[in-house]
Amino acid sequence: MKAELILPIDCLKGMLRKDGYYFRMYKGKQIVQRCPTKWKDTPARKAAREKFAKTWGQRYKKH
């Protein structure tokens, strides 16, 4: 959705309040984006990270 913003809003940067959105400028246009959320560290996610590190982490180390 496109909207024309008035003067105090058209130059906002950062979070206005803690509602999960932030403002930024991109190529001269005002963008409103949802803030990124942190992933919950579940046992399955931790196991997947360890498996990835074991498989790929050792292959490219210079000896």
C-alpha atoms as a PDB file:
ATOM      1  CA  MET A   1       0.000   0.000   0.000  1.00  0.00           C
ATOM      2  CA  LYS A   2       1.291   3.459  -0.853  1.00  0.00           C
ATOM      3  CA  ALA A   3       0.448   6.583   1.109  1.00  0.00           C
ATOM      4  CA  GLU A   4       1.520  10.212   1.091  1.00  0.00           C
ATOM      5  CA  LEU A   5       2.936  11.085   4.512  1.00  0.00           C
ATOM      6  CA  ILE A   6       2.763  14.520   6.117  1.00  0.00           C
ATOM      7  CA  LEU A   7       5.845  16.458   7.249  1.00  0.00           C
ATOM      8  CA  PRO A   8       6.674  15.128  10.737  1.00  0.00           C
ATOM      9  CA  ILE A   9       6.076  11.525   9.684  1.00  0.00           C
ATOM     10  CA  ASP A  10       7.812  11.557   6.291  1.00  0.00           C
ATOM     11  CA  CYS A  11      11.288  11.750   7.852  1.00  0.00           C
ATOM     12  CA  LEU A  12      10.971   9.284  10.762  1.00  0.00           C
ATOM     13  CA  LYS A  13      13.754   6.812  11.436  1.00  0.00           C
ATOM     14  CA  GLY A  14      13.743   4.006  13.985  1.00  0.00           C
ATOM     15  CA  MET A  15      11.024   2.793  16.317  1.00  0.00           C
ATOM     16  CA  LEU A  16       8.258   5.196  17.238  1.00  0.00           C
ATOM     17  CA  ARG A  17       6.925   3.015  20.064  1.00  0.00           C
ATOM     18  CA  LYS A  18       7.261  -0.625  21.084  1.00  0.00           C
ATOM     19  CA  ASP A  19       4.512  -1.950  18.804  1.00  0.00           C
ATOM     20  CA  GLY A  20       6.794  -4.119  16.643  1.00  0.00           C
ATOM     21  CA  TYR A  21       7.313  -1.731  13.703  1.00  0.00           C
ATOM     22  CA  TYR A  22      10.098   0.649  12.710  1.00  0.00           C
ATOM     23  CA  PHE A  23      10.536   3.386  10.096  1.00  0.00           C
ATOM     24  CA  ARG A  24      13.398   3.762   7.643  1.00  0.00           C
ATOM     25  CA  MET A  25      14.252   5.483   4.374  1.00  0.00           C
ATOM     26  CA  TYR A  26      15.087   3.417   1.276  1.00  0.00           C
ATOM     27  CA  LYS A  27      15.896   5.032  -2.066  1.00  0.00           C
ATOM     28  CA  GLY A  28      14.133   8.224  -1.022  1.00  0.00           C
ATOM     29  CA  LYS A  29      10.959   6.459   0.120  1.00  0.00           C
ATOM     30  CA  GLN A  30       9.662   6.001   3.645  1.00  0.00           C
ATOM     31  CA  ILE A  31       9.388   2.303   4.609  1.00  0.00           C
ATOM     32  CA  VAL A  32       7.519   0.903   7.601  1.00  0.00           C
ATOM     33  CA  GLN A  33       8.665  -2.608   8.506  1.00  0.00           C
ATOM     34  CA  ARG A  34       7.949  -5.150  11.179  1.00  0.00           C
ATOM     35  CA  CYS A  35      10.820  -5.583  13.629  1.00  0.00           C
ATOM     36  CA  PRO A  36      12.654  -8.897  13.372  1.00  0.00           C
ATOM     37  CA  THR A  37      11.927 -11.414  16.084  1.00  0.00           C
ATOM     38  CA  LYS A  38      14.468 -13.647  17.746  1.00  0.00           C
ATOM     39  CA  TRP A  39      14.207 -17.369  17.168  1.00  0.00           C
ATOM     40  CA  LYS A  40      13.475 -19.563  20.149  1.00  0.00           C
ATOM     41  CA  ASP A  41      16.382 -21.878  20.831  1.00  0.00           C
ATOM     42  CA  THR A  42      14.738 -25.307  20.784  1.00  0.00           C
ATOM     43  CA  PRO A  43      16.633 -28.602  21.155  1.00  0.00           C
ATOM     44  CA  ALA A  44      15.972 -29.424  17.476  1.00  0.00           C
ATOM     45  CA  ARG A  45      17.386 -26.063  16.334  1.00  0.00           C
ATOM     46  CA  LYS A  46      20.455 -26.518  18.544  1.00  0.00           C
ATOM     47  CA  ALA A  47      21.031 -30.036  17.159  1.00  0.00           C
ATOM     48  CA  ALA A  48      20.725 -28.739  13.586  1.00  0.00           C
ATOM     49  CA  ARG A  49      23.312 -26.002  14.287  1.00  0.00           C
ATOM     50  CA  GLU A  50      25.723 -28.513  15.795  1.00  0.00           C
ATOM     51  CA  LYS A  51      25.261 -30.883  12.840  1.00  0.00           C
ATOM     52  CA  PHE A  52      25.883 -28.033  10.387  1.00  0.00           C
ATOM     53  CA  ALA A  53      29.029 -26.953  12.269  1.00  0.00           C
ATOM     54  CA  LYS A  54      30.329 -30.500  12.348  1.00  0.00           C
ATOM     55  CA  THR A  55      29.657 -31.061   8.636  1.00  0.00           C
ATOM     56  CA  TRP A  56      30.652 -27.714   7.133  1.00  0.00           C
ATOM     57  CA  GLY A  57      32.721 -25.967   9.808  1.00  0.00           C
ATOM     58  CA  GLN A  58      35.762 -28.219   9.504  1.00  0.00           C
ATOM     59  CA  ARG A  59      35.894 -28.449   5.705  1.00  0.00           C
ATOM     60  CA  TYR A  60      37.087 -24.951   4.926  1.00  0.00           C
ATOM     61  CA  LYS A  61      39.537 -24.298   7.756  1.00  0.00           C
ATOM     62  CA  LYS A  62      43.037 -23.569   6.506  1.00  0.00           C
ATOM     63  CA  HIS A  63      45.649 -25.758   8.166  1.00  0.00           C
END
